[in-house]
Amino acid sequence: MRTHDLENHDNLYADEVAMQLGETRADALNHALLASGAILLLVAALGVVLIIS
C-alpha cells in the first residue's frame, strides 16, 4: 500500500507529468496543455451560455 504526503511543501514532484508507455516528455506536456485548453474553453462556453440565458 502506498501513501502520499499531502503536505509536501518542497514541490519535489511539481515538474513530473504522468506519461504513457513510449510517450516522450514533450508529447506528455503537449497532451496536458491541450486537455487544459479544452477544459478552459468548455468553462468559458458554459459561462457565456449562463450569461445569455
PDB file of N, CA and C in Angstrom:
ATOM      1  N   MET A   1       0.848  -1.173   0.000  1.00  0.00           N
ATOM      2  CA  MET A   1       0.000   0.000   0.000  1.00  0.00           C
ATOM      3  C   MET A   1       0.891   1.232   0.000  1.00  0.00           C
ATOM      4  N   ARG A   2       0.551   2.179  -0.850  1.00  0.00           N
ATOM      5  CA  ARG A   2       1.321   3.421  -0.911  1.00  0.00           C
ATOM      6  C   ARG A   2       0.527   4.542  -0.263  1.00  0.00           C
ATOM      7  N   THR A   3       1.250   5.409   0.410  1.00  0.00           N
ATOM      8  CA  THR A   3       0.622   6.597   0.978  1.00  0.00           C
ATOM      9  C   THR A   3       1.310   7.817   0.403  1.00  0.00           C
ATOM     10  N   HIS A   4       0.606   8.903   0.394  1.00  0.00           N
ATOM     11  CA  HIS A   4       1.154  10.144  -0.154  1.00  0.00           C
ATOM     12  C   HIS A   4       1.132  11.213   0.925  1.00  0.00           C
ATOM     13  N   ASP A   5       2.201  11.958   0.988  1.00  0.00           N
ATOM     14  CA  ASP A   5       2.285  13.069   1.918  1.00  0.00           C
ATOM     15  C   ASP A   5       1.582  14.260   1.282  1.00  0.00           C
ATOM     16  N   LEU A   6       0.403  14.597   1.790  1.00  0.00           N
ATOM     17  CA  LEU A   6      -0.375  15.672   1.205  1.00  0.00           C
ATOM     18  C   LEU A   6       0.176  17.046   1.559  1.00  0.00           C
ATOM     19  N   GLU A   7       1.077  17.108   2.499  1.00  0.00           N
ATOM     20  CA  GLU A   7       1.647  18.387   2.901  1.00  0.00           C
ATOM     21  C   GLU A   7       3.107  18.488   2.486  1.00  0.00           C
ATOM     22  N   ASN A   8       3.411  18.075   1.270  1.00  0.00           N
ATOM     23  CA  ASN A   8       4.769  18.153   0.742  1.00  0.00           C
ATOM     24  C   ASN A   8       5.006  19.573   0.243  1.00  0.00           C
ATOM     25  N   HIS A   9       5.738  20.359   1.009  1.00  0.00           N
ATOM     26  CA  HIS A   9       5.952  21.754   0.662  1.00  0.00           C
ATOM     27  C   HIS A   9       7.212  21.962  -0.173  1.00  0.00           C
ATOM     28  N   ASP A  10       7.926  20.910  -0.468  1.00  0.00           N
ATOM     29  CA  ASP A  10       9.153  21.039  -1.250  1.00  0.00           C
ATOM     30  C   ASP A  10       8.903  21.033  -2.749  1.00  0.00           C
ATOM     31  N   ASN A  11       7.694  20.680  -3.188  1.00  0.00           N
ATOM     32  CA  ASN A  11       7.355  20.579  -4.609  1.00  0.00           C
ATOM     33  C   ASN A  11       8.338  19.681  -5.355  1.00  0.00           C
ATOM     34  N   LEU A  12       8.662  18.549  -4.755  1.00  0.00           N
ATOM     35  CA  LEU A  12       9.610  17.637  -5.380  1.00  0.00           C
ATOM     36  C   LEU A  12       9.068  17.040  -6.669  1.00  0.00           C
ATOM     37  N   TYR A  13       7.757  16.954  -6.793  1.00  0.00           N
ATOM     38  CA  TYR A  13       7.149  16.305  -7.954  1.00  0.00           C
ATOM     39  C   TYR A  13       6.411  17.314  -8.833  1.00  0.00           C
ATOM     40  N   ALA A  14       6.673  18.596  -8.668  1.00  0.00           N
ATOM     41  CA  ALA A  14       5.942  19.622  -9.396  1.00  0.00           C
ATOM     42  C   ALA A  14       6.180  19.537 -10.899  1.00  0.00           C
ATOM     43  N   ASP A  15       7.351  19.084 -11.327  1.00  0.00           N
ATOM     44  CA  ASP A  15       7.639  19.050 -12.760  1.00  0.00           C
ATOM     45  C   ASP A  15       7.395  17.672 -13.381  1.00  0.00           C
ATOM     46  N   GLU A  16       6.828  16.742 -12.631  1.00  0.00           N
ATOM     47  CA  GLU A  16       6.559  15.424 -13.182  1.00  0.00           C
ATOM     48  C   GLU A  16       5.181  15.394 -13.823  1.00  0.00           C
ATOM     49  N   VAL A  17       5.099  14.749 -14.978  1.00  0.00           N
ATOM     50  CA  VAL A  17       3.842  14.597 -15.699  1.00  0.00           C
ATOM     51  C   VAL A  17       3.638  13.106 -15.916  1.00  0.00           C
ATOM     52  N   ALA A  18       2.427  12.635 -15.650  1.00  0.00           N
ATOM     53  CA  ALA A  18       2.140  11.219 -15.883  1.00  0.00           C
ATOM     54  C   ALA A  18       2.298  10.924 -17.374  1.00  0.00           C
ATOM     55  N   MET A  19       3.052   9.888 -17.697  1.00  0.00           N
ATOM     56  CA  MET A  19       3.324   9.580 -19.093  1.00  0.00           C
ATOM     57  C   MET A  19       2.866   8.170 -19.421  1.00  0.00           C
ATOM     58  N   GLN A  20       2.444   7.977 -20.654  1.00  0.00           N
ATOM     59  CA  GLN A  20       2.103   6.656 -21.132  1.00  0.00           C
ATOM     60  C   GLN A  20       3.369   5.984 -21.642  1.00  0.00           C
ATOM     61  N   LEU A  21       3.314   4.661 -21.748  1.00  0.00           N
ATOM     62  CA  LEU A  21       4.459   3.908 -22.223  1.00  0.00           C
ATOM     63  C   LEU A  21       4.826   4.360 -23.635  1.00  0.00           C
ATOM     64  N   GLY A  22       6.066   4.721 -23.852  1.00  0.00           N
ATOM     65  CA  GLY A  22       6.542   5.130 -25.164  1.00  0.00           C
ATOM     66  C   GLY A  22       6.274   6.593 -25.496  1.00  0.00           C
ATOM     67  N   GLU A  23       5.683   7.335 -24.592  1.00  0.00           N
ATOM     68  CA  GLU A  23       5.378   8.736 -24.841  1.00  0.00           C
ATOM     69  C   GLU A  23       6.551   9.598 -24.371  1.00  0.00           C
ATOM     70  N   THR A  24       6.948  10.539 -25.199  1.00  0.00           N
ATOM     71  CA  THR A  24       8.041  11.423 -24.806  1.00  0.00           C
ATOM     72  C   THR A  24       7.522  12.475 -23.836  1.00  0.00           C
ATOM     73  N   ARG A  25       8.441  13.117 -23.153  1.00  0.00           N
ATOM     74  CA  ARG A  25       8.052  14.173 -22.206  1.00  0.00           C
ATOM     75  C   ARG A  25       7.354  15.317 -22.937  1.00  0.00           C
ATOM     76  N   ALA A  26       7.844  15.655 -24.125  1.00  0.00           N
ATOM     77  CA  ALA A  26       7.224  16.735 -24.909  1.00  0.00           C
ATOM     78  C   ALA A  26       5.795  16.365 -25.292  1.00  0.00           C
ATOM     79  N   ASP A  27       5.572  15.110 -25.679  1.00  0.00           N
ATOM     80  CA  ASP A  27       4.216  14.666 -26.019  1.00  0.00           C
ATOM     81  C   ASP A  27       3.302  14.732 -24.804  1.00  0.00           C
ATOM     82  N   ALA A  28       3.808  14.321 -23.654  1.00  0.00           N
ATOM     83  CA  ALA A  28       3.005  14.345 -22.435  1.00  0.00           C
ATOM     84  C   ALA A  28       2.626  15.770 -22.070  1.00  0.00           C
ATOM     85  N   LEU A  29       3.572  16.690 -22.171  1.00  0.00           N
ATOM     86  CA  LEU A  29       3.278  18.093 -21.871  1.00  0.00           C
ATOM     87  C   LEU A  29       2.290  18.677 -22.876  1.00  0.00           C
ATOM     88  N   ASN A  30       2.451  18.308 -24.140  1.00  0.00           N
ATOM     89  CA  ASN A  30       1.536  18.782 -25.170  1.00  0.00           C
ATOM     90  C   ASN A  30       0.118  18.288 -24.893  1.00  0.00           C
ATOM     91  N   HIS A  31      -0.020  17.024 -24.534  1.00  0.00           N
ATOM     92  CA  HIS A  31      -1.342  16.475 -24.223  1.00  0.00           C
ATOM     93  C   HIS A  31      -1.946  17.160 -22.999  1.00  0.00           C
ATOM     94  N   ALA A  32      -1.131  17.427 -22.009  1.00  0.00           N
ATOM     95  CA  ALA A  32      -1.631  18.109 -20.807  1.00  0.00           C
ATOM     96  C   ALA A  32      -2.088  19.527 -21.140  1.00  0.00           C
ATOM     97  N   LEU A  33      -1.343  20.227 -21.980  1.00  0.00           N
ATOM     98  CA  LEU A  33      -1.734  21.582 -22.368  1.00  0.00           C
ATOM     99  C   LEU A  33      -3.007  21.575 -23.204  1.00  0.00           C
ATOM    100  N   LEU A  34      -3.136  20.613 -24.102  1.00  0.00           N
ATOM    101  CA  LEU A  34      -4.356  20.517 -24.911  1.00  0.00           C
ATOM    102  C   LEU A  34      -5.565  20.217 -24.034  1.00  0.00           C
ATOM    103  N   ALA A  35      -5.413  19.324 -23.075  1.00  0.00           N
ATOM    104  CA  ALA A  35      -6.513  18.995 -22.173  1.00  0.00           C
ATOM    105  C   ALA A  35      -6.892  20.212 -21.329  1.00  0.00           C
ATOM    106  N   SER A  36      -5.904  20.937 -20.835  1.00  0.00           N
ATOM    107  CA  SER A  36      -6.176  22.145 -20.039  1.00  0.00           C
ATOM    108  C   SER A  36      -6.880  23.199 -20.887  1.00  0.00           C
ATOM    109  N   GLY A  37      -6.438  23.359 -22.114  1.00  0.00           N
ATOM    110  CA  GLY A  37      -7.072  24.322 -23.020  1.00  0.00           C
ATOM    111  C   GLY A  37      -8.509  23.949 -23.319  1.00  0.00           C
ATOM    112  N   ALA A  38      -8.767  22.657 -23.516  1.00  0.00           N
ATOM    113  CA  ALA A  38     -10.131  22.202 -23.786  1.00  0.00           C
ATOM    114  C   ALA A  38     -11.035  22.460 -22.589  1.00  0.00           C
ATOM    115  N   ILE A  39     -10.528  22.223 -21.394  1.00  0.00           N
ATOM    116  CA  ILE A  39     -11.316  22.473 -20.183  1.00  0.00           C
ATOM    117  C   ILE A  39     -11.612  23.962 -20.049  1.00  0.00           C
ATOM    118  N   LEU A  40     -10.609  24.808 -20.270  1.00  0.00           N
ATOM    119  CA  LEU A  40     -10.826  26.253 -20.187  1.00  0.00           C
ATOM    120  C   LEU A  40     -11.851  26.727 -21.215  1.00  0.00           C
ATOM    121  N   LEU A  41     -11.794  26.171 -22.414  1.00  0.00           N
ATOM    122  CA  LEU A  41     -12.752  26.525 -23.459  1.00  0.00           C
ATOM    123  C   LEU A  41     -14.167  26.126 -23.063  1.00  0.00           C
ATOM    124  N   LEU A  42     -14.327  24.936 -22.506  1.00  0.00           N
ATOM    125  CA  LEU A  42     -15.644  24.485 -22.070  1.00  0.00           C
ATOM    126  C   LEU A  42     -16.189  25.338 -20.932  1.00  0.00           C
ATOM    127  N   VAL A  43     -15.335  25.704 -19.995  1.00  0.00           N
ATOM    128  CA  VAL A  43     -15.769  26.562 -18.885  1.00  0.00           C
ATOM    129  C   VAL A  43     -16.182  27.939 -19.405  1.00  0.00           C
ATOM    130  N   ALA A  44     -15.412  28.484 -20.342  1.00  0.00           N
ATOM    131  CA  ALA A  44     -15.759  29.789 -20.914  1.00  0.00           C
ATOM    132  C   ALA A  44     -17.074  29.703 -21.672  1.00  0.00           C
ATOM    133  N   ALA A  45     -17.269  28.639 -22.445  1.00  0.00           N
ATOM    134  CA  ALA A  45     -18.519  28.472 -23.184  1.00  0.00           C
ATOM    135  C   ALA A  45     -19.697  28.344 -22.224  1.00  0.00           C
ATOM    136  N   LEU A  46     -19.535  27.618 -21.147  1.00  0.00           N
ATOM    137  CA  LEU A  46     -20.593  27.491 -20.169  1.00  0.00           C
ATOM    138  C   LEU A  46     -20.922  28.840 -19.535  1.00  0.00           C
ATOM    139  N   GLY A  47     -19.908  29.630 -19.259  1.00  0.00           N
ATOM    140  CA  GLY A  47     -20.123  30.956 -18.710  1.00  0.00           C
ATOM    141  C   GLY A  47     -20.912  31.832 -19.663  1.00  0.00           C
ATOM    142  N   VAL A  48     -20.590  31.773 -20.958  1.00  0.00           N
ATOM    143  CA  VAL A  48     -21.318  32.560 -21.953  1.00  0.00           C
ATOM    144  C   VAL A  48     -22.770  32.118 -22.021  1.00  0.00           C
ATOM    145  N   VAL A  49     -23.001  30.809 -22.019  1.00  0.00           N
ATOM    146  CA  VAL A  49     -24.370  30.286 -22.068  1.00  0.00           C
ATOM    147  C   VAL A  49     -25.159  30.736 -20.838  1.00  0.00           C
ATOM    148  N   LEU A  50     -24.528  30.716 -19.690  1.00  0.00           N
ATOM    149  CA  LEU A  50     -25.222  31.126 -18.460  1.00  0.00           C
ATOM    150  C   LEU A  50     -25.517  32.630 -18.468  1.00  0.00           C
ATOM    151  N   ILE A  51     -24.631  33.429 -19.043  1.00  0.00           N
ATOM    152  CA  ILE A  51     -24.864  34.869 -19.104  1.00  0.00           C
ATOM    153  C   ILE A  51     -26.000  35.175 -20.077  1.00  0.00           C
ATOM    154  N   ILE A  52     -26.033  34.490 -21.198  1.00  0.00           N
ATOM    155  CA  ILE A  52     -27.069  34.724 -22.217  1.00  0.00           C
ATOM    156  C   ILE A  52     -28.439  34.300 -21.724  1.00  0.00           C
ATOM    157  N   SER A  53     -28.498  33.197 -21.005  1.00  0.00           N
ATOM    158  CA  SER A  53     -29.802  32.679 -20.584  1.00  0.00           C
ATOM    159  C   SER A  53     -30.355  33.370 -19.362  1.00  0.00           C
TER     160      SER A  53
END
